C-alpha atoms as a PDB file:
ATOM      1  CA  MET A   1      56.914 170.901  69.754  1.00  0.00           C
ATOM      2  CA  ASN A   2      60.633 171.102  70.195  1.00  0.00           C
ATOM      3  CA  PRO A   3      63.001 169.163  68.678  1.00  0.00           C
ATOM      4  CA  PRO A   4      64.938 166.389  71.000  1.00  0.00           C
ATOM      5  CA  ALA A   5      68.339 168.060  71.932  1.00  0.00           C
ATOM      6  CA  VAL A   6      71.386 166.598  69.900  1.00  0.00           C
ATOM      7  CA  LEU A   7      74.215 165.737  71.455  1.00  0.00           C
ATOM      8  CA  SER A   8      77.468 167.960  70.625  1.00  0.00           C
ATOM      9  CA  PRO A   9      80.283 166.697  69.162  1.00  0.00           C
ATOM     10  CA  GLU A  10      82.823 168.066  72.178  1.00  0.00           C
ATOM     11  CA  ARG A  11      80.161 165.835  74.589  1.00  0.00           C
ATOM     12  CA  ALA A  12      79.804 162.911  71.892  1.00  0.00           C
ATOM     13  CA  ALA A  13      83.733 162.619  72.304  1.00  0.00           C
ATOM     14  CA  GLU A  14      83.628 163.051  75.864  1.00  0.00           C
ATOM     15  CA  ILE A  15      81.406 159.970  76.464  1.00  0.00           C
ATOM     16  CA  SER A  16      83.292 158.001  74.423  1.00  0.00           C
ATOM     17  CA  GLU A  17      86.268 158.533  75.770  1.00  0.00           C
ATOM     18  CA  VAL A  18      85.174 157.846  79.408  1.00  0.00           C
ATOM     19  CA  ILE A  19      83.651 154.843  78.307  1.00  0.00           C
ATOM     20  CA  ASP A  20      87.075 153.547  77.085  1.00  0.00           C
ATOM     21  CA  ARG A  21      88.928 154.863  79.989  1.00  0.00           C
ATOM     22  CA  ILE A  22      86.689 152.484  82.094  1.00  0.00           C
ATOM     23  CA  THR A  23      86.730 149.771  79.748  1.00  0.00           C
ATOM     24  CA  ARG A  24      90.600 149.939  79.645  1.00  0.00           C
ATOM     25  CA  TRP A  25      90.903 150.103  83.600  1.00  0.00           C
ATOM     26  CA  ALA A  26      88.243 146.897  83.946  1.00  0.00           C
ATOM     27  CA  ARG A  27      90.347 144.984  81.480  1.00  0.00           C
ATOM     28  CA  GLY A  28      93.152 145.485  84.194  1.00  0.00           C
ATOM     29  CA  ARG A  29      91.294 143.764  87.011  1.00  0.00           C
ATOM     30  CA  GLU A  30      90.959 140.344  87.819  1.00  0.00           C
ATOM     31  CA  ASP A  31      87.834 140.893  89.893  1.00  0.00           C
ATOM     32  CA  ILE A  32      85.836 142.222  87.479  1.00  0.00           C
ATOM     33  CA  VAL A  33      83.808 139.590  85.895  1.00  0.00           C
ATOM     34  CA  GLY A  34      81.828 142.115  83.576  1.00  0.00           C
ATOM     35  CA  LEU A  35      81.063 145.210  82.476  1.00  0.00           C
ATOM     36  CA  LEU A  36      78.365 146.410  80.738  1.00  0.00           C
ATOM     37  CA  LEU A  37      77.117 149.764  79.374  1.00  0.00           C
ATOM     38  CA  VAL A  38      73.479 150.004  79.578  1.00  0.00           C
ATOM     39  CA  GLY A  39      70.507 153.276  79.255  1.00  0.00           C
ATOM     40  CA  SER A  40      70.845 155.613  76.368  1.00  0.00           C
ATOM     41  CA  CYS A  41      74.555 155.844  75.265  1.00  0.00           C
ATOM     42  CA  ALA A  42      74.368 151.559  74.868  1.00  0.00           C
ATOM     43  CA  ARG A  43      71.208 153.083  72.540  1.00  0.00           C
ATOM     44  CA  ASN A  44      73.345 155.707  70.958  1.00  0.00           C
ATOM     45  CA  ALA A  45      70.459 158.157  72.194  1.00  0.00           C
ATOM     46  CA  ALA A  46      72.560 160.114  74.358  1.00  0.00           C
ATOM     47  CA  ARG A  47      70.825 163.987  75.022  1.00  0.00           C
ATOM     48  CA  PRO A  48      73.075 166.804  76.182  1.00  0.00           C
ATOM     49  CA  ASP A  49      71.894 165.948  79.944  1.00  0.00           C
ATOM     50  CA  SER A  50      72.857 161.882  79.660  1.00  0.00           C
ATOM     51  CA  ASP A  51      74.781 160.159  81.740  1.00  0.00           C
ATOM     52  CA  ILE A  52      76.698 157.095  81.401  1.00  0.00           C
ATOM     53  CA  ASP A  53      75.389 153.812  83.080  1.00  0.00           C
ATOM     54  CA  VAL A  54      77.229 151.251  83.686  1.00  0.00           C
ATOM     55  CA  VAL A  55      76.934 147.884  85.520  1.00  0.00           C
ATOM     56  CA  LEU A  56      79.983 146.653  86.891  1.00  0.00           C
ATOM     57  CA  LEU A  57      80.224 143.190  87.967  1.00  0.00           C
ATOM     58  CA  SER A  58      82.587 142.504  90.498  1.00  0.00           C
ATOM     59  CA  THR A  59      84.030 139.191  92.907  1.00  0.00           C
ATOM     60  CA  ASP A  60      84.996 142.076  95.366  1.00  0.00           C
ATOM     61  CA  GLU A  61      82.064 144.456  95.437  1.00  0.00           C
ATOM     62  CA  SER A  62      83.259 145.793  98.684  1.00  0.00           C
ATOM     63  CA  ARG A  63      86.212 147.528  97.005  1.00  0.00           C
ATOM     64  CA  TYR A  64      84.239 150.034  94.956  1.00  0.00           C
ATOM     65  CA  LEU A  65      81.623 150.579  97.933  1.00  0.00           C
ATOM     66  CA  LEU A  66      84.025 150.952 100.518  1.00  0.00           C
ATOM     67  CA  GLU A  67      86.584 152.934  98.566  1.00  0.00           C
ATOM     68  CA  ASP A  68      86.684 156.015  96.392  1.00  0.00           C
ATOM     69  CA  GLY A  69      90.337 155.521  94.756  1.00  0.00           C
ATOM     70  CA  TRP A  70      89.134 153.860  91.956  1.00  0.00           C
ATOM     71  CA  ALA A  71      86.479 156.806  90.887  1.00  0.00           C
ATOM     72  CA  VAL A  72      89.739 159.064  91.472  1.00  0.00           C
ATOM     73  CA  GLU A  73      92.168 157.266  89.319  1.00  0.00           C
ATOM     74  CA  LEU A  74      89.225 156.775  86.385  1.00  0.00           C
ATOM     75  CA  GLY A  75      89.086 160.598  86.603  1.00  0.00           C
ATOM     76  CA  LEU A  76      85.658 160.523  87.601  1.00  0.00           C
ATOM     77  CA  GLY A  77      85.810 162.618  90.597  1.00  0.00           C
ATOM     78  CA  LYS A  78      84.735 161.327  94.167  1.00  0.00           C
ATOM     79  CA  PRO A  79      81.480 159.473  94.148  1.00  0.00           C
ATOM     80  CA  ILE A  80      78.475 161.976  95.090  1.00  0.00           C
ATOM     81  CA  ARG A  81      76.050 159.660  95.785  1.00  0.00           C
ATOM     82  CA  THR A  82      75.381 155.730  97.012  1.00  0.00           C
ATOM     83  CA  GLN A  83      72.186 153.979  96.686  1.00  0.00           C
ATOM     84  CA  SER A  84      71.024 150.989  96.977  1.00  0.00           C
ATOM     85  CA  TRP A  85      68.859 149.182  94.347  1.00  0.00           C
ATOM     86  CA  GLY A  86      68.580 145.804  95.210  1.00  0.00           C
ATOM     87  CA  PRO A  87      71.170 143.775  93.736  1.00  0.00           C
ATOM     88  CA  ILE A  88      73.139 146.382  92.523  1.00  0.00           C
ATOM     89  CA  THR A  89      74.842 149.539  94.501  1.00  0.00           C
ATOM     90  CA  GLU A  90      74.898 152.728  92.423  1.00  0.00           C
ATOM     91  CA  ARG A  91      77.832 154.845  93.057  1.00  0.00           C
ATOM     92  CA  ARG A  92      77.444 158.031  91.064  1.00  0.00           C
ATOM     93  CA  CYS A  93      80.669 160.528  90.057  1.00  0.00           C
ATOM     94  CA  SER A  94      80.535 164.029  88.472  1.00  0.00           C
ATOM     95  CA  THR A  95      83.601 164.617  86.580  1.00  0.00           C
ATOM     96  CA  ALA A  96      85.101 168.184  86.074  1.00  0.00           C
ATOM     97  CA  SER A  97      83.068 168.861  83.457  1.00  0.00           C
ATOM     98  CA  GLY A  98      79.637 167.937  85.131  1.00  0.00           C
ATOM     99  CA  LEU A  99      78.994 164.685  83.047  1.00  0.00           C
ATOM    100  CA  GLU A 100      77.665 162.324  85.292  1.00  0.00           C
ATOM    101  CA  VAL A 101      78.795 158.754  85.468  1.00  0.00           C
ATOM    102  CA  GLU A 102      76.520 156.187  87.469  1.00  0.00           C
ATOM    103  CA  LEU A 103      78.562 152.725  88.067  1.00  0.00           C
ATOM    104  CA  GLY A 104      76.306 149.870  89.137  1.00  0.00           C
ATOM    105  CA  ILE A 105      78.192 147.709  91.555  1.00  0.00           C
ATOM    106  CA  GLY A 106      77.027 144.137  91.837  1.00  0.00           C
ATOM    107  CA  SER A 107      78.341 140.453  92.163  1.00  0.00           C
ATOM    108  CA  PRO A 108      78.455 138.063  88.793  1.00  0.00           C
ATOM    109  CA  ALA A 109      75.082 136.940  90.309  1.00  0.00           C
ATOM    110  CA  TRP A 110      73.234 140.084  88.951  1.00  0.00           C
ATOM    111  CA  ALA A 111      73.627 138.464  85.487  1.00  0.00           C
ATOM    112  CA  LYS A 112      72.442 134.868  86.430  1.00  0.00           C
ATOM    113  CA  THR A 113      69.842 133.689  83.511  1.00  0.00           C
ATOM    114  CA  ASP A 114      67.753 130.946  85.220  1.00  0.00           C
ATOM    115  CA  PRO A 115      65.509 132.737  85.747  1.00  0.00           C
ATOM    116  CA  VAL A 116      66.632 136.150  84.948  1.00  0.00           C
ATOM    117  CA  GLU A 117      65.188 138.539  87.413  1.00  0.00           C
ATOM    118  CA  HIS A 118      62.406 140.971  86.402  1.00  0.00           C
ATOM    119  CA  GLY A 119      64.916 144.197  87.143  1.00  0.00           C
ATOM    120  CA  THR A 120      67.970 142.653  85.308  1.00  0.00           C
ATOM    121  CA  HIS A 121      65.952 142.102  82.462  1.00  0.00           C
ATOM    122  CA  ARG A 122      64.382 145.502  82.101  1.00  0.00           C
ATOM    123  CA  VAL A 123      67.766 147.371  82.181  1.00  0.00           C
ATOM    124  CA  VAL A 124      69.068 144.720  79.577  1.00  0.00           C
ATOM    125  CA  THR A 125      66.507 145.160  77.583  1.00  0.00           C
ATOM    126  CA  ASP A 126      66.260 149.129  77.604  1.00  0.00           C
ATOM    127  CA  GLY A 127      69.634 148.682  75.784  1.00  0.00           C
ATOM    128  CA  ALA A 128      72.934 147.387  76.710  1.00  0.00           C
ATOM    129  CA  ARG A 129      76.368 147.083  75.207  1.00  0.00           C
ATOM    130  CA  VAL A 130      78.779 144.599  76.704  1.00  0.00           C
ATOM    131  CA  LEU A 131      82.368 146.536  77.217  1.00  0.00           C
ATOM    132  CA  HIS A 132      84.150 143.554  79.185  1.00  0.00           C
ATOM    133  CA  ASP A 133      83.152 140.116  79.673  1.00  0.00           C
ATOM    134  CA  PRO A 134      86.107 137.764  79.856  1.00  0.00           C
ATOM    135  CA  ALA A 135      83.816 134.425  80.543  1.00  0.00           C
ATOM    136  CA  GLY A 136      80.923 135.474  78.841  1.00  0.00           C
ATOM    137  CA  VAL A 137      78.498 135.676  81.789  1.00  0.00           C
ATOM    138  CA  LEU A 138      76.916 139.213  80.014  1.00  0.00           C
ATOM    139  CA  ALA A 139      76.701 137.390  76.585  1.00  0.00           C
ATOM    140  CA  GLY A 140      75.058 134.693  78.167  1.00  0.00           C
ATOM    141  CA  LEU A 141      72.685 137.341  79.935  1.00  0.00           C
ATOM    142  CA  LEU A 142      71.954 138.998  76.629  1.00  0.00           C
ATOM    143  CA  ALA A 143      70.862 135.812  75.139  1.00  0.00           C
ATOM    144  CA  ALA A 144      68.706 135.052  77.842  1.00  0.00           C
ATOM    145  CA  CYS A 145      66.764 138.493  77.552  1.00  0.00           C
END
């Protein structure tokens, strides 16, 4: 049995820098009410082939679903895939180095807690770290899960 692949220090630094860049950007946008890191990066279990998974909750979803300027502004490259997952729409980008970043874009209703939707619960309990939560919407969701 092979040991799990270890994330190189360079890739770990790149992942951290991209997460920090997205977080700083989100803090400057009034329409973004929540930014949640999920998956392997949130669990500190990223592998060399891991992507960065972020849930972005906005009061203006169409801004991120119909336009690509935000991805270019963030240095994520143009989105390479868009896929609907119910209340969340995935916009997947690939950086120049090949690191993939998946932004799951949805409305603040995704974080409702009465009751927590099954898919949302699964995403949150698989590993989640709040990056931006000015109104405490995500803190309430994490507490409910």
